[in-house]
Amino acid sequence: MMQAANTNAADAGGTRDFVTVFVGETMFGLAIDRVHDVFIPAGVTPVPLSPPEIVGLLNLRGRVVTALCLRRRLSMPARTGDAAQMAIGLEQGGETFALIVDGVGEVLKLGAETHEPVPINLDARWRDLTLGVHRLDGRLLVILDVDALLAFGTTARTAGAA
């Protein structure tokens, strides 16, 4: 219910804040009200038989957190190179997740004038995970739907079977 109110505010000429993250050269936006932490992931313990997008579990200030690879979740090619990765702490249903990304950018305050609906030619694997795009000085910011992004595993398989 809260997200609908925020979306309507942006449509009415208000602005929304997004944390920008990168996977390769692609820039994604996460609603800032969903982001709790930005950190460097360390000590990730693999989880046997987990969905492929799950990197493992890690400790974040005494809490066990599920680490999810955004690259794998979006069906993007495997990462090359040894550059450090970053993680974004997200909360969903009382559980904390670490979204593993290649890099974290800045916080952007964006209004309805740059917002566009999800393009019809956007890859089908991404379409259900995005809320729209913003065109910014020749770059495209793809806004991710955090709820859909974190609906993986059993929930995603159940939806796919319907």
N, C-alpha and C. Protein backbone atom coordinates (compact mmCIF):
# COMPACT_ATOMS: atom_id res chain seq x y z
N MET A 1 0.83 -1.19 0.00
CA MET A 1 0.00 0.00 0.00
C MET A 1 0.88 1.25 0.00
N MET A 2 1.98 1.21 0.75
CA MET A 2 2.86 2.37 0.86
C MET A 2 3.51 2.70 -0.48
N GLN A 3 3.91 1.65 -1.24
CA GLN A 3 4.56 1.91 -2.53
C GLN A 3 3.61 2.57 -3.50
N ALA A 4 2.34 2.19 -3.46
CA ALA A 4 1.36 2.81 -4.36
C ALA A 4 1.26 4.29 -4.07
N ALA A 5 1.29 4.66 -2.79
CA ALA A 5 1.23 6.07 -2.42
C ALA A 5 2.45 6.82 -2.94
N ASN A 6 3.63 6.19 -2.84
CA ASN A 6 4.86 6.82 -3.33
C ASN A 6 4.82 6.98 -4.85
N THR A 7 4.32 5.97 -5.56
CA THR A 7 4.23 6.05 -7.01
C THR A 7 3.28 7.17 -7.42
N ASN A 8 2.15 7.27 -6.74
CA ASN A 8 1.19 8.33 -7.05
C ASN A 8 1.79 9.71 -6.78
N ALA A 9 2.60 9.82 -5.73
CA ALA A 9 3.24 11.11 -5.43
C ALA A 9 4.17 11.51 -6.57
N ALA A 10 4.91 10.53 -7.13
CA ALA A 10 5.82 10.84 -8.24
C ALA A 10 5.01 11.24 -9.47
N ASP A 11 3.88 10.55 -9.70
CA ASP A 11 3.04 10.89 -10.85
C ASP A 11 2.44 12.28 -10.71
N ALA A 12 2.22 12.72 -9.49
CA ALA A 12 1.60 14.02 -9.25
C ALA A 12 2.63 15.15 -9.28
N GLY A 13 3.86 14.86 -9.67
CA GLY A 13 4.87 15.90 -9.78
C GLY A 13 5.86 15.88 -8.63
N GLY A 14 5.71 14.95 -7.68
CA GLY A 14 6.65 14.83 -6.58
C GLY A 14 7.91 14.14 -7.05
N THR A 15 8.85 13.98 -6.15
CA THR A 15 10.08 13.29 -6.50
C THR A 15 10.26 12.08 -5.60
N ARG A 16 11.07 11.15 -6.07
CA ARG A 16 11.42 9.97 -5.29
C ARG A 16 12.93 9.84 -5.30
N ASP A 17 13.47 9.29 -4.22
CA ASP A 17 14.91 9.07 -4.11
C ASP A 17 15.22 7.61 -4.43
N PHE A 18 16.27 7.41 -5.24
CA PHE A 18 16.71 6.08 -5.62
C PHE A 18 18.20 5.94 -5.36
N VAL A 19 18.60 4.79 -4.81
CA VAL A 19 20.01 4.44 -4.70
C VAL A 19 20.36 3.75 -6.01
N THR A 20 21.41 4.21 -6.67
CA THR A 20 21.82 3.60 -7.92
C THR A 20 22.84 2.50 -7.65
N VAL A 21 22.67 1.38 -8.35
CA VAL A 21 23.60 0.27 -8.26
C VAL A 21 23.95 -0.15 -9.68
N PHE A 22 25.08 -0.79 -9.83
CA PHE A 22 25.56 -1.19 -11.14
C PHE A 22 25.80 -2.69 -11.20
N VAL A 23 25.44 -3.28 -12.32
CA VAL A 23 25.82 -4.63 -12.68
C VAL A 23 26.41 -4.48 -14.07
N GLY A 24 27.73 -4.62 -14.16
CA GLY A 24 28.41 -4.29 -15.40
C GLY A 24 28.21 -2.81 -15.68
N GLU A 25 27.83 -2.47 -16.89
CA GLU A 25 27.59 -1.08 -17.27
C GLU A 25 26.15 -0.64 -17.07
N THR A 26 25.29 -1.57 -16.66
CA THR A 26 23.87 -1.26 -16.51
C THR A 26 23.60 -0.64 -15.14
N MET A 27 22.84 0.45 -15.15
CA MET A 27 22.52 1.18 -13.92
C MET A 27 21.08 0.87 -13.51
N PHE A 28 20.93 0.47 -12.26
CA PHE A 28 19.62 0.15 -11.70
C PHE A 28 19.33 1.08 -10.54
N GLY A 29 18.05 1.27 -10.25
CA GLY A 29 17.65 2.10 -9.12
C GLY A 29 16.81 1.31 -8.14
N LEU A 30 17.09 1.52 -6.86
CA LEU A 30 16.32 0.91 -5.78
C LEU A 30 15.72 2.04 -4.96
N ALA A 31 14.43 1.97 -4.66
CA ALA A 31 13.79 3.00 -3.84
C ALA A 31 14.55 3.10 -2.51
N ILE A 32 14.95 4.31 -2.15
CA ILE A 32 15.80 4.49 -0.98
C ILE A 32 15.12 4.04 0.31
N ASP A 33 13.79 4.08 0.35
CA ASP A 33 13.11 3.65 1.57
C ASP A 33 13.17 2.14 1.78
N ARG A 34 13.65 1.40 0.79
CA ARG A 34 13.82 -0.05 0.93
C ARG A 34 15.26 -0.43 1.30
N VAL A 35 16.19 0.51 1.18
CA VAL A 35 17.61 0.25 1.42
C VAL A 35 17.96 0.56 2.87
N HIS A 36 18.53 -0.45 3.56
CA HIS A 36 18.90 -0.26 4.96
C HIS A 36 20.40 -0.15 5.18
N ASP A 37 21.19 -0.78 4.32
CA ASP A 37 22.64 -0.80 4.49
C ASP A 37 23.33 -0.83 3.14
N VAL A 38 24.56 -0.35 3.11
CA VAL A 38 25.45 -0.53 1.98
C VAL A 38 26.76 -1.02 2.59
N PHE A 39 27.25 -2.17 2.13
CA PHE A 39 28.44 -2.74 2.76
C PHE A 39 29.20 -3.63 1.78
N ILE A 40 30.40 -4.04 2.19
CA ILE A 40 31.21 -4.97 1.40
C ILE A 40 30.94 -6.36 1.96
N PRO A 41 30.41 -7.27 1.13
CA PRO A 41 30.09 -8.60 1.65
C PRO A 41 31.36 -9.40 1.94
N ALA A 42 31.36 -10.09 3.07
CA ALA A 42 32.52 -10.90 3.45
C ALA A 42 32.02 -12.14 4.18
N GLY A 43 32.78 -13.21 4.10
CA GLY A 43 32.45 -14.42 4.82
C GLY A 43 31.14 -15.06 4.41
N VAL A 44 30.91 -15.14 3.10
CA VAL A 44 29.66 -15.74 2.60
C VAL A 44 29.79 -17.26 2.66
N THR A 45 28.81 -17.90 3.30
CA THR A 45 28.76 -19.35 3.41
C THR A 45 27.74 -19.90 2.41
N PRO A 46 28.19 -20.73 1.47
CA PRO A 46 27.26 -21.29 0.48
C PRO A 46 26.17 -22.13 1.15
N VAL A 47 24.99 -22.17 0.51
CA VAL A 47 23.87 -22.96 1.01
C VAL A 47 23.58 -24.06 -0.02
N PRO A 48 23.77 -25.34 0.37
CA PRO A 48 23.51 -26.43 -0.58
C PRO A 48 22.05 -26.44 -1.04
N LEU A 49 21.83 -26.77 -2.31
CA LEU A 49 20.51 -26.92 -2.92
C LEU A 49 19.68 -25.64 -2.95
N SER A 50 20.32 -24.50 -2.78
CA SER A 50 19.59 -23.22 -2.85
C SER A 50 19.39 -22.83 -4.31
N PRO A 51 18.42 -21.94 -4.59
CA PRO A 51 18.25 -21.45 -5.96
C PRO A 51 19.55 -20.82 -6.45
N PRO A 52 19.79 -20.81 -7.77
CA PRO A 52 21.07 -20.31 -8.29
C PRO A 52 21.37 -18.85 -7.95
N GLU A 53 20.34 -18.02 -7.74
CA GLU A 53 20.60 -16.62 -7.43
C GLU A 53 21.06 -16.39 -5.98
N ILE A 54 20.94 -17.41 -5.15
CA ILE A 54 21.40 -17.30 -3.76
C ILE A 54 22.89 -17.59 -3.70
N VAL A 55 23.67 -16.61 -3.27
CA VAL A 55 25.12 -16.75 -3.14
C VAL A 55 25.43 -17.53 -1.87
N GLY A 56 24.65 -17.29 -0.82
CA GLY A 56 24.86 -17.97 0.46
C GLY A 56 24.33 -17.12 1.60
N LEU A 57 24.87 -17.39 2.78
CA LEU A 57 24.49 -16.63 3.98
C LEU A 57 25.70 -15.86 4.47
N LEU A 58 25.45 -14.69 5.06
CA LEU A 58 26.53 -13.92 5.66
C LEU A 58 26.05 -13.29 6.96
N ASN A 59 27.00 -12.81 7.74
CA ASN A 59 26.70 -12.19 9.02
C ASN A 59 26.76 -10.68 8.84
N LEU A 60 25.65 -10.01 9.14
CA LEU A 60 25.60 -8.56 9.08
C LEU A 60 25.23 -8.05 10.47
N ARG A 61 26.23 -7.58 11.19
CA ARG A 61 26.04 -7.07 12.54
C ARG A 61 25.25 -8.03 13.42
N GLY A 62 25.66 -9.31 13.40
CA GLY A 62 25.04 -10.31 14.26
C GLY A 62 23.79 -10.96 13.71
N ARG A 63 23.35 -10.55 12.53
CA ARG A 63 22.16 -11.16 11.92
C ARG A 63 22.58 -12.04 10.75
N VAL A 64 21.94 -13.18 10.61
CA VAL A 64 22.19 -14.05 9.46
C VAL A 64 21.36 -13.51 8.30
N VAL A 65 22.04 -13.22 7.20
CA VAL A 65 21.43 -12.56 6.06
C VAL A 65 21.60 -13.44 4.81
N THR A 66 20.54 -13.57 4.03
CA THR A 66 20.60 -14.28 2.76
C THR A 66 21.19 -13.36 1.71
N ALA A 67 22.27 -13.81 1.06
CA ALA A 67 22.93 -13.02 0.02
C ALA A 67 22.41 -13.46 -1.35
N LEU A 68 21.89 -12.50 -2.10
CA LEU A 68 21.28 -12.73 -3.40
C LEU A 68 22.08 -11.98 -4.47
N CYS A 69 22.49 -12.67 -5.52
CA CYS A 69 23.28 -12.06 -6.59
C CYS A 69 22.33 -11.41 -7.61
N LEU A 70 22.40 -10.09 -7.74
CA LEU A 70 21.53 -9.38 -8.70
C LEU A 70 21.85 -9.82 -10.12
N ARG A 71 23.11 -10.04 -10.41
CA ARG A 71 23.53 -10.47 -11.75
C ARG A 71 22.82 -11.77 -12.12
N ARG A 72 22.84 -12.76 -11.23
CA ARG A 72 22.18 -14.04 -11.51
C ARG A 72 20.66 -13.88 -11.54
N ARG A 73 20.12 -13.06 -10.64
CA ARG A 73 18.67 -12.86 -10.58
C ARG A 73 18.13 -12.29 -11.88
N LEU A 74 18.95 -11.46 -12.55
CA LEU A 74 18.55 -10.84 -13.81
C LEU A 74 19.03 -11.62 -15.03
N SER A 75 19.55 -12.83 -14.81
CA SER A 75 20.04 -13.70 -15.89
C SER A 75 21.10 -13.02 -16.73
N MET A 76 21.99 -12.28 -16.08
CA MET A 76 23.09 -11.61 -16.79
C MET A 76 24.31 -12.53 -16.79
N PRO A 77 25.24 -12.32 -17.73
CA PRO A 77 26.43 -13.18 -17.80
C PRO A 77 27.26 -13.10 -16.52
N ALA A 78 28.00 -14.16 -16.27
CA ALA A 78 28.86 -14.23 -15.08
C ALA A 78 29.86 -13.08 -15.08
N ARG A 79 30.25 -12.68 -13.91
CA ARG A 79 31.18 -11.58 -13.70
C ARG A 79 32.59 -11.98 -14.09
N THR A 80 33.33 -11.04 -14.66
CA THR A 80 34.74 -11.29 -14.96
C THR A 80 35.58 -10.29 -14.17
N GLY A 81 36.78 -10.68 -13.82
CA GLY A 81 37.66 -9.79 -13.07
C GLY A 81 37.52 -10.01 -11.58
N ASP A 82 38.42 -9.36 -10.85
CA ASP A 82 38.48 -9.53 -9.41
C ASP A 82 38.07 -8.29 -8.63
N ALA A 83 37.40 -7.36 -9.27
CA ALA A 83 37.01 -6.12 -8.59
C ALA A 83 36.10 -6.46 -7.41
N ALA A 84 36.21 -5.66 -6.36
CA ALA A 84 35.40 -5.87 -5.15
C ALA A 84 33.93 -5.68 -5.48
N GLN A 85 33.11 -6.48 -4.83
CA GLN A 85 31.67 -6.34 -4.99
C GLN A 85 31.13 -5.55 -3.80
N MET A 86 29.91 -5.06 -3.95
CA MET A 86 29.23 -4.34 -2.89
C MET A 86 27.91 -5.06 -2.60
N ALA A 87 27.32 -4.74 -1.47
CA ALA A 87 26.02 -5.33 -1.13
C ALA A 87 25.10 -4.24 -0.61
N ILE A 88 23.83 -4.41 -0.92
CA ILE A 88 22.78 -3.51 -0.46
C ILE A 88 21.90 -4.32 0.48
N GLY A 89 21.71 -3.84 1.71
CA GLY A 89 20.85 -4.51 2.66
C GLY A 89 19.40 -4.10 2.43
N LEU A 90 18.56 -5.09 2.18
CA LEU A 90 17.13 -4.87 1.93
C LEU A 90 16.33 -5.69 2.93
N GLU A 91 15.18 -5.18 3.32
CA GLU A 91 14.32 -5.92 4.23
C GLU A 91 13.04 -6.31 3.52
N GLN A 92 12.60 -7.54 3.76
CA GLN A 92 11.37 -8.04 3.14
C GLN A 92 10.72 -9.01 4.12
N GLY A 93 9.53 -8.70 4.56
CA GLY A 93 8.79 -9.59 5.44
C GLY A 93 9.53 -9.93 6.72
N GLY A 94 10.24 -8.98 7.29
CA GLY A 94 10.96 -9.21 8.54
C GLY A 94 12.30 -9.92 8.37
N GLU A 95 12.65 -10.27 7.14
CA GLU A 95 13.93 -10.93 6.87
C GLU A 95 14.84 -9.96 6.12
N THR A 96 16.13 -10.01 6.43
CA THR A 96 17.09 -9.13 5.76
C THR A 96 17.79 -9.90 4.64
N PHE A 97 17.97 -9.23 3.52
CA PHE A 97 18.67 -9.79 2.37
C PHE A 97 19.83 -8.88 2.01
N ALA A 98 20.91 -9.46 1.50
CA ALA A 98 22.03 -8.70 0.96
C ALA A 98 22.00 -8.88 -0.56
N LEU A 99 21.76 -7.80 -1.28
CA LEU A 99 21.73 -7.84 -2.73
C LEU A 99 23.15 -7.54 -3.23
N ILE A 100 23.80 -8.54 -3.82
CA ILE A 100 25.18 -8.39 -4.27
C ILE A 100 25.20 -7.74 -5.65
N VAL A 101 25.92 -6.63 -5.76
CA VAL A 101 26.02 -5.86 -7.00
C VAL A 101 27.49 -5.59 -7.30
N ASP A 102 27.76 -5.13 -8.53
CA ASP A 102 29.14 -4.80 -8.90
C ASP A 102 29.59 -3.48 -8.29
N GLY A 103 28.67 -2.55 -8.11
CA GLY A 103 29.03 -1.25 -7.55
C GLY A 103 27.80 -0.49 -7.11
N VAL A 104 28.03 0.50 -6.26
CA VAL A 104 26.97 1.37 -5.77
C VAL A 104 27.29 2.78 -6.19
N GLY A 105 26.31 3.47 -6.73
CA GLY A 105 26.51 4.84 -7.18
C GLY A 105 25.99 5.83 -6.15
N GLU A 106 25.31 6.84 -6.65
CA GLU A 106 24.82 7.90 -5.78
C GLU A 106 23.32 7.78 -5.58
N VAL A 107 22.80 8.64 -4.73
CA VAL A 107 21.35 8.74 -4.53
C VAL A 107 20.84 9.81 -5.48
N LEU A 108 19.83 9.45 -6.29
CA LEU A 108 19.26 10.40 -7.24
C LEU A 108 17.83 10.73 -6.83
N LYS A 109 17.49 12.01 -6.87
CA LYS A 109 16.13 12.48 -6.61
C LYS A 109 15.51 12.72 -7.98
N LEU A 110 14.52 11.90 -8.32
CA LEU A 110 13.94 11.94 -9.66
C LEU A 110 12.44 12.20 -9.62
N GLY A 111 11.97 12.93 -10.61
CA GLY A 111 10.56 13.25 -10.70
C GLY A 111 9.90 12.55 -11.87
N ALA A 112 8.62 12.80 -12.02
CA ALA A 112 7.81 12.15 -13.05
C ALA A 112 8.25 12.55 -14.46
N GLU A 113 8.91 13.71 -14.62
CA GLU A 113 9.27 14.16 -15.97
C GLU A 113 10.27 13.26 -16.68
N THR A 114 11.07 12.47 -15.94
CA THR A 114 12.01 11.55 -16.58
C THR A 114 11.53 10.11 -16.55
N HIS A 115 10.43 9.85 -15.83
CA HIS A 115 9.93 8.47 -15.67
C HIS A 115 9.14 8.01 -16.89
N GLU A 116 9.39 6.76 -17.28
CA GLU A 116 8.64 6.13 -18.36
C GLU A 116 8.26 4.73 -17.92
N PRO A 117 7.16 4.20 -18.45
CA PRO A 117 6.78 2.83 -18.10
C PRO A 117 7.83 1.84 -18.60
N VAL A 118 7.70 0.60 -18.16
CA VAL A 118 8.62 -0.45 -18.60
C VAL A 118 8.53 -0.56 -20.12
N PRO A 119 9.66 -0.41 -20.83
CA PRO A 119 9.64 -0.50 -22.30
C PRO A 119 9.17 -1.88 -22.76
N ILE A 120 8.38 -1.90 -23.83
CA ILE A 120 7.85 -3.19 -24.32
C ILE A 120 8.97 -4.09 -24.85
N ASN A 121 10.09 -3.50 -25.24
CA ASN A 121 11.19 -4.30 -25.76
C ASN A 121 12.19 -4.72 -24.68
N LEU A 122 11.88 -4.44 -23.40
CA LEU A 122 12.76 -4.88 -22.31
C LEU A 122 12.71 -6.40 -22.23
N ASP A 123 13.85 -7.02 -22.02
CA ASP A 123 13.94 -8.47 -21.93
C ASP A 123 12.86 -9.01 -20.98
N ALA A 124 12.19 -10.07 -21.40
CA ALA A 124 11.10 -10.66 -20.62
C ALA A 124 11.56 -11.08 -19.23
N ARG A 125 12.83 -11.46 -19.08
CA ARG A 125 13.35 -11.88 -17.78
C ARG A 125 13.42 -10.70 -16.81
N TRP A 126 13.46 -9.49 -17.33
CA TRP A 126 13.54 -8.28 -16.49
C TRP A 126 12.18 -7.63 -16.29
N ARG A 127 11.28 -7.83 -17.25
CA ARG A 127 10.02 -7.08 -17.26
C ARG A 127 9.25 -7.15 -15.95
N ASP A 128 9.14 -8.35 -15.37
CA ASP A 128 8.38 -8.52 -14.14
C ASP A 128 9.13 -8.04 -12.90
N LEU A 129 10.40 -7.67 -13.06
CA LEU A 129 11.21 -7.24 -11.92
C LEU A 129 11.41 -5.73 -11.90
N THR A 130 10.81 -5.01 -12.84
CA THR A 130 11.02 -3.57 -12.92
C THR A 130 9.71 -2.80 -12.80
N LEU A 131 9.85 -1.56 -12.34
CA LEU A 131 8.70 -0.66 -12.17
C LEU A 131 8.66 0.41 -13.25
N GLY A 132 9.72 0.51 -14.04
CA GLY A 132 9.81 1.54 -15.07
C GLY A 132 11.25 1.94 -15.26
N VAL A 133 11.45 2.99 -16.04
CA VAL A 133 12.79 3.49 -16.30
C VAL A 133 12.79 5.01 -16.21
N HIS A 134 13.98 5.57 -16.03
CA HIS A 134 14.19 7.01 -16.09
C HIS A 134 15.29 7.24 -17.12
N ARG A 135 15.06 8.16 -18.04
CA ARG A 135 16.09 8.54 -19.02
C ARG A 135 16.87 9.71 -18.43
N LEU A 136 18.18 9.51 -18.28
CA LEU A 136 19.03 10.51 -17.63
C LEU A 136 20.26 10.80 -18.48
N ASP A 137 20.32 11.93 -19.13
CA ASP A 137 21.50 12.35 -19.89
C ASP A 137 22.12 11.21 -20.70
N GLY A 138 21.33 10.58 -21.53
CA GLY A 138 21.85 9.53 -22.38
C GLY A 138 21.99 8.17 -21.72
N ARG A 139 21.69 8.07 -20.44
CA ARG A 139 21.75 6.79 -19.73
C ARG A 139 20.35 6.39 -19.33
N LEU A 140 20.17 5.11 -19.17
CA LEU A 140 18.88 4.59 -18.74
C LEU A 140 19.03 4.04 -17.33
N LEU A 141 18.16 4.48 -16.42
CA LEU A 141 18.12 3.97 -15.05
C LEU A 141 16.91 3.04 -14.97
N VAL A 142 17.15 1.76 -14.77
CA VAL A 142 16.09 0.77 -14.67
C VAL A 142 15.70 0.65 -13.19
N ILE A 143 14.44 0.99 -12.88
CA ILE A 143 13.97 0.94 -11.50
C ILE A 143 13.51 -0.47 -11.18
N LEU A 144 14.13 -1.08 -10.16
CA LEU A 144 13.81 -2.44 -9.78
C LEU A 144 12.67 -2.48 -8.76
N ASP A 145 11.82 -3.47 -8.90
CA ASP A 145 10.73 -3.74 -7.95
C ASP A 145 11.30 -4.68 -6.89
N VAL A 146 11.60 -4.14 -5.71
CA VAL A 146 12.26 -4.91 -4.66
C VAL A 146 11.41 -6.11 -4.26
N ASP A 147 10.09 -5.94 -4.16
CA ASP A 147 9.23 -7.06 -3.77
C ASP A 147 9.34 -8.21 -4.78
N ALA A 148 9.28 -7.89 -6.07
CA ALA A 148 9.38 -8.92 -7.11
C ALA A 148 10.79 -9.52 -7.14
N LEU A 149 11.80 -8.70 -6.92
CA LEU A 149 13.18 -9.16 -6.94
C LEU A 149 13.43 -10.21 -5.86
N LEU A 150 12.83 -10.00 -4.70
CA LEU A 150 13.05 -10.91 -3.57
C LEU A 150 12.06 -12.07 -3.55
N ALA A 151 11.14 -12.14 -4.50
CA ALA A 151 10.20 -13.25 -4.60
C ALA A 151 10.83 -14.33 -5.48
N PHE A 152 11.71 -15.12 -4.89
CA PHE A 152 12.40 -16.16 -5.64
C PHE A 152 12.19 -17.49 -4.93
N GLY A 153 12.75 -18.55 -5.48
CA GLY A 153 12.65 -19.86 -4.84
C GLY A 153 11.23 -20.40 -4.97
N THR A 154 10.66 -20.81 -3.87
CA THR A 154 9.33 -21.44 -3.87
C THR A 154 8.28 -20.51 -4.45
N THR A 155 8.29 -19.25 -4.06
CA THR A 155 7.30 -18.30 -4.55
C THR A 155 7.38 -18.15 -6.06
N ALA A 156 8.59 -18.02 -6.58
CA ALA A 156 8.78 -17.84 -8.03
C ALA A 156 8.38 -19.09 -8.79
N ARG A 157 8.72 -20.28 -8.25
CA ARG A 157 8.36 -21.52 -8.92
C ARG A 157 6.84 -21.72 -8.93
N THR A 158 6.18 -21.35 -7.83
CA THR A 158 4.73 -21.47 -7.76
C THR A 158 4.08 -20.56 -8.79
N ALA A 159 4.57 -19.33 -8.90
CA ALA A 159 4.03 -18.37 -9.87
C ALA A 159 4.26 -18.88 -11.29
N GLY A 160 5.41 -19.49 -11.54
CA GLY A 160 5.75 -19.99 -12.86
C GLY A 160 4.90 -21.19 -13.26
N ALA A 161 4.43 -21.95 -12.27
CA ALA A 161 3.64 -23.14 -12.55
C ALA A 161 2.20 -22.79 -12.87
N ALA A 162 1.76 -21.59 -12.52
CA ALA A 162 0.36 -21.21 -12.73
C ALA A 162 0.05 -20.91 -14.17
